[in-house]
Amino acid sequence: MTATSALTTRPVERWTPPDLDLAGVLEKLQRWQPFDGSAFLDDVEILLEGVPAEEQVEDFAERLRGYSMLLVDIALAHAAPQDDTTSRLIAQARVVRCEEVPGGFWRAVGLLRRMALALDALHEHLVAIRCMKEAV
């Protein structure tokens, strides 16, 4: 192929699109779940004001880990960790997210409550610094 301008004529390479993994991008888009503030607050309320059923412990742990990843991503996307409070809350959310659910029902409930408290504090802080809107 030859490119022509008023000054010169020179050979140029034909443009080819970048090698994108479009199937991978589509898969990520299909798996993406937006942050559901109402569901988050409902889960936090159940864990802090009551006791979940024993068969729900793993489900709560999985959901809280998902909320943790979303809240941390929101904080990082808004460059919020530049202040010490946000950095501390992000670190707490990451620590409790990585903990394994312990054996024994009451120990597991204790972990879920620690997770809920850490995530609720991060959520409230992100609302206060206007990284996200308050969930109702």
N, C-alpha and C. Protein backbone atom coordinates (compact mmCIF):
# COMPACT_ATOMS: atom_id res chain seq x y z
N MET A 1 0.86 -1.17 0.00
CA MET A 1 0.00 0.00 0.00
C MET A 1 0.90 1.23 0.00
N THR A 2 0.44 2.28 -0.62
CA THR A 2 1.22 3.51 -0.72
C THR A 2 0.41 4.67 -0.18
N ALA A 3 1.05 5.47 0.66
CA ALA A 3 0.42 6.67 1.17
C ALA A 3 0.91 7.85 0.36
N THR A 4 -0.01 8.74 0.04
CA THR A 4 0.36 9.90 -0.77
C THR A 4 -0.01 11.16 -0.03
N SER A 5 0.92 12.09 0.00
CA SER A 5 0.64 13.41 0.55
C SER A 5 1.12 14.42 -0.47
N ALA A 6 0.91 15.67 -0.19
CA ALA A 6 1.34 16.72 -1.11
C ALA A 6 2.85 16.74 -1.24
N LEU A 7 3.56 16.24 -0.23
CA LEU A 7 5.02 16.32 -0.25
C LEU A 7 5.70 15.05 -0.73
N THR A 8 5.19 13.87 -0.30
CA THR A 8 5.88 12.63 -0.62
C THR A 8 4.91 11.50 -0.89
N THR A 9 5.46 10.48 -1.47
CA THR A 9 4.77 9.21 -1.61
C THR A 9 5.70 8.17 -1.02
N ARG A 10 5.21 7.43 -0.03
CA ARG A 10 6.06 6.42 0.59
C ARG A 10 5.22 5.20 0.97
N PRO A 11 5.84 4.05 0.99
CA PRO A 11 5.09 2.83 1.38
C PRO A 11 4.87 2.82 2.90
N VAL A 12 3.70 2.39 3.30
CA VAL A 12 3.37 2.23 4.72
C VAL A 12 2.71 0.89 4.93
N GLU A 13 2.83 0.38 6.14
CA GLU A 13 2.19 -0.89 6.46
C GLU A 13 0.69 -0.69 6.61
N ARG A 14 -0.04 -1.69 6.17
CA ARG A 14 -1.50 -1.68 6.32
C ARG A 14 -1.82 -1.83 7.81
N TRP A 15 -2.78 -1.05 8.31
CA TRP A 15 -3.17 -1.10 9.72
C TRP A 15 -3.88 -2.41 10.00
N THR A 16 -3.54 -3.01 11.11
CA THR A 16 -4.25 -4.20 11.58
C THR A 16 -4.70 -3.91 13.01
N PRO A 17 -5.88 -4.35 13.34
CA PRO A 17 -6.38 -4.09 14.70
C PRO A 17 -5.52 -4.80 15.73
N PRO A 18 -5.48 -4.27 16.95
CA PRO A 18 -4.69 -4.92 18.01
C PRO A 18 -5.24 -6.31 18.31
N ASP A 19 -4.38 -7.17 18.77
CA ASP A 19 -4.77 -8.53 19.11
C ASP A 19 -5.50 -8.51 20.45
N LEU A 20 -6.79 -8.38 20.41
CA LEU A 20 -7.60 -8.34 21.62
C LEU A 20 -8.28 -9.68 21.83
N ASP A 21 -8.37 -10.06 23.06
CA ASP A 21 -9.09 -11.27 23.41
C ASP A 21 -10.55 -10.88 23.63
N LEU A 22 -11.27 -10.68 22.55
CA LEU A 22 -12.65 -10.20 22.66
C LEU A 22 -13.54 -11.20 23.37
N ALA A 23 -13.28 -12.47 23.21
CA ALA A 23 -14.06 -13.48 23.93
C ALA A 23 -13.84 -13.34 25.44
N GLY A 24 -12.61 -13.06 25.84
CA GLY A 24 -12.30 -12.86 27.26
C GLY A 24 -12.96 -11.61 27.81
N VAL A 25 -12.95 -10.56 27.00
CA VAL A 25 -13.60 -9.31 27.41
C VAL A 25 -15.10 -9.54 27.58
N LEU A 26 -15.71 -10.25 26.63
CA LEU A 26 -17.14 -10.55 26.71
C LEU A 26 -17.44 -11.38 27.95
N GLU A 27 -16.60 -12.37 28.24
CA GLU A 27 -16.81 -13.21 29.42
C GLU A 27 -16.76 -12.38 30.70
N LYS A 28 -15.79 -11.47 30.79
CA LYS A 28 -15.70 -10.61 31.97
C LYS A 28 -16.92 -9.71 32.10
N LEU A 29 -17.39 -9.18 30.99
CA LEU A 29 -18.58 -8.33 31.03
C LEU A 29 -19.81 -9.12 31.48
N GLN A 30 -19.91 -10.35 31.02
CA GLN A 30 -21.06 -11.16 31.39
C GLN A 30 -21.01 -11.57 32.86
N ARG A 31 -19.82 -11.72 33.44
CA ARG A 31 -19.69 -12.09 34.84
C ARG A 31 -19.81 -10.89 35.78
N TRP A 32 -19.67 -9.68 35.26
CA TRP A 32 -19.65 -8.48 36.09
C TRP A 32 -20.99 -8.30 36.79
N GLN A 33 -20.91 -8.01 38.07
CA GLN A 33 -22.09 -7.73 38.88
C GLN A 33 -21.94 -6.35 39.49
N PRO A 34 -22.89 -5.46 39.28
CA PRO A 34 -22.78 -4.14 39.91
C PRO A 34 -22.97 -4.26 41.41
N PHE A 35 -22.48 -3.26 42.13
CA PHE A 35 -22.65 -3.23 43.58
C PHE A 35 -24.11 -2.97 43.91
N ASP A 36 -24.72 -3.87 44.65
CA ASP A 36 -26.12 -3.73 45.06
C ASP A 36 -26.13 -3.29 46.52
N GLY A 37 -26.24 -1.97 46.71
CA GLY A 37 -26.18 -1.40 48.05
C GLY A 37 -27.27 -1.91 48.97
N SER A 38 -28.46 -2.11 48.45
CA SER A 38 -29.56 -2.59 49.29
C SER A 38 -29.30 -4.01 49.79
N ALA A 39 -28.85 -4.88 48.89
CA ALA A 39 -28.55 -6.26 49.29
C ALA A 39 -27.40 -6.27 50.29
N PHE A 40 -26.40 -5.42 50.06
CA PHE A 40 -25.27 -5.32 50.99
C PHE A 40 -25.75 -4.93 52.38
N LEU A 41 -26.56 -3.88 52.46
CA LEU A 41 -27.05 -3.43 53.77
C LEU A 41 -27.94 -4.48 54.43
N ASP A 42 -28.73 -5.21 53.63
CA ASP A 42 -29.56 -6.28 54.19
C ASP A 42 -28.68 -7.36 54.81
N ASP A 43 -27.62 -7.76 54.10
CA ASP A 43 -26.73 -8.79 54.63
C ASP A 43 -26.03 -8.32 55.90
N VAL A 44 -25.56 -7.08 55.90
CA VAL A 44 -24.89 -6.53 57.09
C VAL A 44 -25.86 -6.50 58.26
N GLU A 45 -27.09 -6.10 58.02
CA GLU A 45 -28.08 -6.04 59.09
C GLU A 45 -28.35 -7.43 59.67
N ILE A 46 -28.49 -8.42 58.81
CA ILE A 46 -28.73 -9.78 59.28
C ILE A 46 -27.58 -10.25 60.17
N LEU A 47 -26.36 -9.97 59.74
CA LEU A 47 -25.19 -10.46 60.47
C LEU A 47 -24.94 -9.71 61.77
N LEU A 48 -25.25 -8.43 61.80
CA LEU A 48 -24.96 -7.64 63.00
C LEU A 48 -26.10 -7.61 63.99
N GLU A 49 -27.31 -7.89 63.54
CA GLU A 49 -28.45 -7.83 64.44
C GLU A 49 -29.08 -9.18 64.72
N GLY A 50 -28.60 -10.20 64.05
CA GLY A 50 -29.18 -11.52 64.24
C GLY A 50 -28.13 -12.59 64.00
N VAL A 51 -28.62 -13.80 63.83
CA VAL A 51 -27.73 -14.94 63.59
C VAL A 51 -28.23 -15.65 62.34
N PRO A 52 -27.35 -15.83 61.35
CA PRO A 52 -27.78 -16.54 60.15
C PRO A 52 -27.96 -18.04 60.44
N ALA A 53 -28.72 -18.68 59.60
CA ALA A 53 -28.87 -20.13 59.72
C ALA A 53 -27.53 -20.80 59.38
N GLU A 54 -27.27 -21.94 59.97
CA GLU A 54 -25.99 -22.61 59.79
C GLU A 54 -25.71 -22.93 58.32
N GLU A 55 -26.73 -23.27 57.58
CA GLU A 55 -26.54 -23.60 56.17
C GLU A 55 -26.29 -22.37 55.29
N GLN A 56 -26.45 -21.18 55.85
CA GLN A 56 -26.23 -19.94 55.10
C GLN A 56 -24.84 -19.35 55.31
N VAL A 57 -24.04 -19.91 56.19
CA VAL A 57 -22.75 -19.33 56.54
C VAL A 57 -21.85 -19.19 55.31
N GLU A 58 -21.69 -20.24 54.54
CA GLU A 58 -20.82 -20.19 53.35
C GLU A 58 -21.34 -19.19 52.32
N ASP A 59 -22.66 -19.12 52.16
CA ASP A 59 -23.25 -18.16 51.21
C ASP A 59 -22.95 -16.73 51.64
N PHE A 60 -23.11 -16.45 52.93
CA PHE A 60 -22.80 -15.11 53.43
C PHE A 60 -21.32 -14.79 53.22
N ALA A 61 -20.45 -15.75 53.51
CA ALA A 61 -19.01 -15.51 53.34
C ALA A 61 -18.69 -15.19 51.88
N GLU A 62 -19.27 -15.93 50.97
CA GLU A 62 -19.03 -15.68 49.55
C GLU A 62 -19.54 -14.30 49.13
N ARG A 63 -20.74 -13.94 49.57
CA ARG A 63 -21.29 -12.62 49.22
C ARG A 63 -20.44 -11.50 49.82
N LEU A 64 -20.03 -11.65 51.07
CA LEU A 64 -19.21 -10.61 51.71
C LEU A 64 -17.87 -10.46 51.00
N ARG A 65 -17.29 -11.55 50.55
CA ARG A 65 -16.04 -11.46 49.79
C ARG A 65 -16.27 -10.70 48.49
N GLY A 66 -17.40 -10.95 47.85
CA GLY A 66 -17.74 -10.21 46.63
C GLY A 66 -17.92 -8.72 46.90
N TYR A 67 -18.64 -8.40 47.97
CA TYR A 67 -18.80 -6.99 48.34
C TYR A 67 -17.45 -6.35 48.63
N SER A 68 -16.58 -7.10 49.29
CA SER A 68 -15.26 -6.58 49.63
C SER A 68 -14.49 -6.21 48.37
N MET A 69 -14.48 -7.10 47.40
CA MET A 69 -13.76 -6.82 46.16
C MET A 69 -14.34 -5.61 45.45
N LEU A 70 -15.66 -5.51 45.41
CA LEU A 70 -16.29 -4.37 44.75
C LEU A 70 -15.99 -3.06 45.46
N LEU A 71 -16.12 -3.04 46.78
CA LEU A 71 -15.87 -1.80 47.53
C LEU A 71 -14.41 -1.37 47.41
N VAL A 72 -13.49 -2.32 47.50
CA VAL A 72 -12.07 -1.98 47.35
C VAL A 72 -11.81 -1.45 45.94
N ASP A 73 -12.39 -2.10 44.93
CA ASP A 73 -12.22 -1.62 43.55
C ASP A 73 -12.76 -0.21 43.37
N ILE A 74 -13.91 0.08 43.98
CA ILE A 74 -14.49 1.42 43.90
C ILE A 74 -13.54 2.43 44.55
N ALA A 75 -13.02 2.09 45.70
CA ALA A 75 -12.10 3.00 46.39
C ALA A 75 -10.85 3.24 45.55
N LEU A 76 -10.29 2.19 44.99
CA LEU A 76 -9.08 2.33 44.19
C LEU A 76 -9.34 3.10 42.89
N ALA A 77 -10.51 2.88 42.29
CA ALA A 77 -10.84 3.57 41.04
C ALA A 77 -10.99 5.07 41.25
N HIS A 78 -11.37 5.46 42.45
CA HIS A 78 -11.54 6.88 42.74
C HIS A 78 -10.31 7.49 43.40
N ALA A 79 -9.23 6.75 43.39
CA ALA A 79 -7.97 7.22 43.99
C ALA A 79 -8.16 7.61 45.44
N ALA A 80 -9.09 6.97 46.12
CA ALA A 80 -9.38 7.30 47.51
C ALA A 80 -8.28 6.90 48.48
N PRO A 81 -7.46 5.89 48.20
CA PRO A 81 -6.52 5.47 49.23
C PRO A 81 -5.42 6.48 49.53
N GLN A 82 -5.52 7.65 49.00
CA GLN A 82 -4.52 8.66 49.29
C GLN A 82 -4.64 9.17 50.72
N ASP A 83 -5.77 8.92 51.37
CA ASP A 83 -5.88 9.32 52.77
C ASP A 83 -5.71 8.09 53.66
N ASP A 84 -5.23 8.32 54.87
CA ASP A 84 -4.89 7.22 55.78
C ASP A 84 -6.11 6.39 56.18
N THR A 85 -7.25 7.02 56.37
CA THR A 85 -8.43 6.29 56.79
C THR A 85 -8.85 5.29 55.73
N THR A 86 -8.88 5.73 54.49
CA THR A 86 -9.28 4.83 53.42
C THR A 86 -8.29 3.69 53.27
N SER A 87 -7.01 4.00 53.35
CA SER A 87 -5.99 2.95 53.24
C SER A 87 -6.15 1.90 54.34
N ARG A 88 -6.42 2.37 55.56
CA ARG A 88 -6.62 1.45 56.69
C ARG A 88 -7.86 0.57 56.48
N LEU A 89 -8.95 1.19 56.01
CA LEU A 89 -10.19 0.43 55.80
C LEU A 89 -10.06 -0.57 54.65
N ILE A 90 -9.34 -0.19 53.62
CA ILE A 90 -9.09 -1.12 52.50
C ILE A 90 -8.27 -2.30 53.00
N ALA A 91 -7.25 -2.02 53.81
CA ALA A 91 -6.41 -3.10 54.35
C ALA A 91 -7.24 -4.05 55.21
N GLN A 92 -8.11 -3.49 56.04
CA GLN A 92 -8.97 -4.34 56.89
C GLN A 92 -9.89 -5.21 56.05
N ALA A 93 -10.48 -4.61 55.01
CA ALA A 93 -11.39 -5.37 54.14
C ALA A 93 -10.64 -6.51 53.45
N ARG A 94 -9.42 -6.25 53.03
CA ARG A 94 -8.63 -7.29 52.36
C ARG A 94 -8.24 -8.41 53.33
N VAL A 95 -7.90 -8.05 54.55
CA VAL A 95 -7.49 -9.06 55.54
C VAL A 95 -8.65 -10.00 55.84
N VAL A 96 -9.82 -9.46 56.16
CA VAL A 96 -10.94 -10.34 56.52
C VAL A 96 -11.45 -11.11 55.31
N ARG A 97 -11.31 -10.55 54.12
CA ARG A 97 -11.74 -11.26 52.92
C ARG A 97 -10.92 -12.53 52.71
N CYS A 98 -9.65 -12.49 53.09
CA CYS A 98 -8.75 -13.63 52.86
C CYS A 98 -8.84 -14.71 53.93
N GLU A 99 -9.52 -14.43 55.02
CA GLU A 99 -9.62 -15.42 56.09
C GLU A 99 -10.55 -16.56 55.67
N GLU A 100 -10.13 -17.77 56.01
CA GLU A 100 -10.97 -18.94 55.76
C GLU A 100 -12.08 -18.99 56.80
N VAL A 101 -13.24 -19.48 56.38
CA VAL A 101 -14.34 -19.65 57.33
C VAL A 101 -13.94 -20.77 58.29
N PRO A 102 -13.85 -20.46 59.58
CA PRO A 102 -13.39 -21.48 60.54
C PRO A 102 -14.45 -22.55 60.78
N GLY A 103 -13.98 -23.67 61.28
CA GLY A 103 -14.92 -24.72 61.69
C GLY A 103 -15.65 -24.27 62.93
N GLY A 104 -16.81 -24.78 63.11
CA GLY A 104 -17.62 -24.38 64.27
C GLY A 104 -18.51 -23.21 63.90
N PHE A 105 -19.77 -23.38 64.19
CA PHE A 105 -20.76 -22.38 63.78
C PHE A 105 -20.49 -21.01 64.37
N TRP A 106 -20.26 -20.92 65.68
CA TRP A 106 -20.11 -19.61 66.31
C TRP A 106 -18.82 -18.91 65.90
N ARG A 107 -17.76 -19.67 65.65
CA ARG A 107 -16.53 -19.06 65.15
C ARG A 107 -16.75 -18.51 63.74
N ALA A 108 -17.51 -19.24 62.93
CA ALA A 108 -17.83 -18.77 61.58
C ALA A 108 -18.67 -17.50 61.63
N VAL A 109 -19.65 -17.47 62.54
CA VAL A 109 -20.47 -16.27 62.70
C VAL A 109 -19.61 -15.10 63.14
N GLY A 110 -18.65 -15.36 64.02
CA GLY A 110 -17.74 -14.30 64.45
C GLY A 110 -16.96 -13.71 63.28
N LEU A 111 -16.47 -14.56 62.38
CA LEU A 111 -15.76 -14.08 61.20
C LEU A 111 -16.70 -13.26 60.31
N LEU A 112 -17.91 -13.77 60.09
CA LEU A 112 -18.87 -13.05 59.24
C LEU A 112 -19.17 -11.67 59.83
N ARG A 113 -19.29 -11.59 61.13
CA ARG A 113 -19.56 -10.30 61.77
C ARG A 113 -18.37 -9.35 61.63
N ARG A 114 -17.15 -9.87 61.77
CA ARG A 114 -15.97 -9.03 61.57
C ARG A 114 -15.92 -8.53 60.13
N MET A 115 -16.24 -9.40 59.18
CA MET A 115 -16.27 -9.00 57.78
C MET A 115 -17.31 -7.91 57.56
N ALA A 116 -18.51 -8.13 58.12
CA ALA A 116 -19.59 -7.17 57.95
C ALA A 116 -19.22 -5.81 58.55
N LEU A 117 -18.61 -5.82 59.72
CA LEU A 117 -18.20 -4.56 60.36
C LEU A 117 -17.15 -3.82 59.52
N ALA A 118 -16.16 -4.56 59.03
CA ALA A 118 -15.11 -3.93 58.22
C ALA A 118 -15.67 -3.36 56.92
N LEU A 119 -16.54 -4.11 56.28
CA LEU A 119 -17.11 -3.65 55.01
C LEU A 119 -18.09 -2.51 55.21
N ASP A 120 -18.85 -2.55 56.30
CA ASP A 120 -19.77 -1.46 56.58
C ASP A 120 -19.00 -0.17 56.84
N ALA A 121 -17.89 -0.26 57.55
CA ALA A 121 -17.07 0.94 57.81
C ALA A 121 -16.49 1.48 56.51
N LEU A 122 -16.02 0.59 55.63
CA LEU A 122 -15.48 1.04 54.34
C LEU A 122 -16.58 1.67 53.50
N HIS A 123 -17.74 1.05 53.47
CA HIS A 123 -18.87 1.58 52.70
C HIS A 123 -19.25 2.97 53.20
N GLU A 124 -19.40 3.12 54.51
CA GLU A 124 -19.78 4.42 55.07
C GLU A 124 -18.72 5.48 54.77
N HIS A 125 -17.46 5.10 54.82
CA HIS A 125 -16.39 6.05 54.51
C HIS A 125 -16.43 6.46 53.04
N LEU A 126 -16.65 5.50 52.15
CA LEU A 126 -16.71 5.83 50.72
C LEU A 126 -17.89 6.75 50.41
N VAL A 127 -18.98 6.57 51.13
CA VAL A 127 -20.13 7.48 50.98
C VAL A 127 -19.74 8.86 51.50
N ALA A 128 -19.07 8.91 52.65
CA ALA A 128 -18.71 10.18 53.26
C ALA A 128 -17.74 10.99 52.39
N ILE A 129 -16.82 10.30 51.70
CA ILE A 129 -15.87 11.03 50.85
C ILE A 129 -16.35 11.11 49.40
N ARG A 130 -17.60 10.74 49.20
CA ARG A 130 -18.29 10.87 47.91
C ARG A 130 -17.69 10.05 46.77
N CYS A 131 -17.22 8.86 47.13
CA CYS A 131 -16.79 7.91 46.09
C CYS A 131 -17.98 7.12 45.57
N MET A 132 -19.03 7.09 46.37
CA MET A 132 -20.25 6.39 45.95
C MET A 132 -21.45 7.01 46.65
N LYS A 133 -22.62 6.72 46.12
CA LYS A 133 -23.83 7.24 46.72
C LYS A 133 -24.28 6.33 47.86
N GLU A 134 -25.00 6.91 48.79
CA GLU A 134 -25.51 6.14 49.91
C GLU A 134 -26.56 5.17 49.43
N ALA A 135 -26.48 3.95 49.90
CA ALA A 135 -27.47 2.94 49.56
C ALA A 135 -28.66 3.11 50.48
N VAL A 136 -29.84 2.89 49.94
CA VAL A 136 -31.05 3.01 50.75
C VAL A 136 -31.81 1.71 50.77
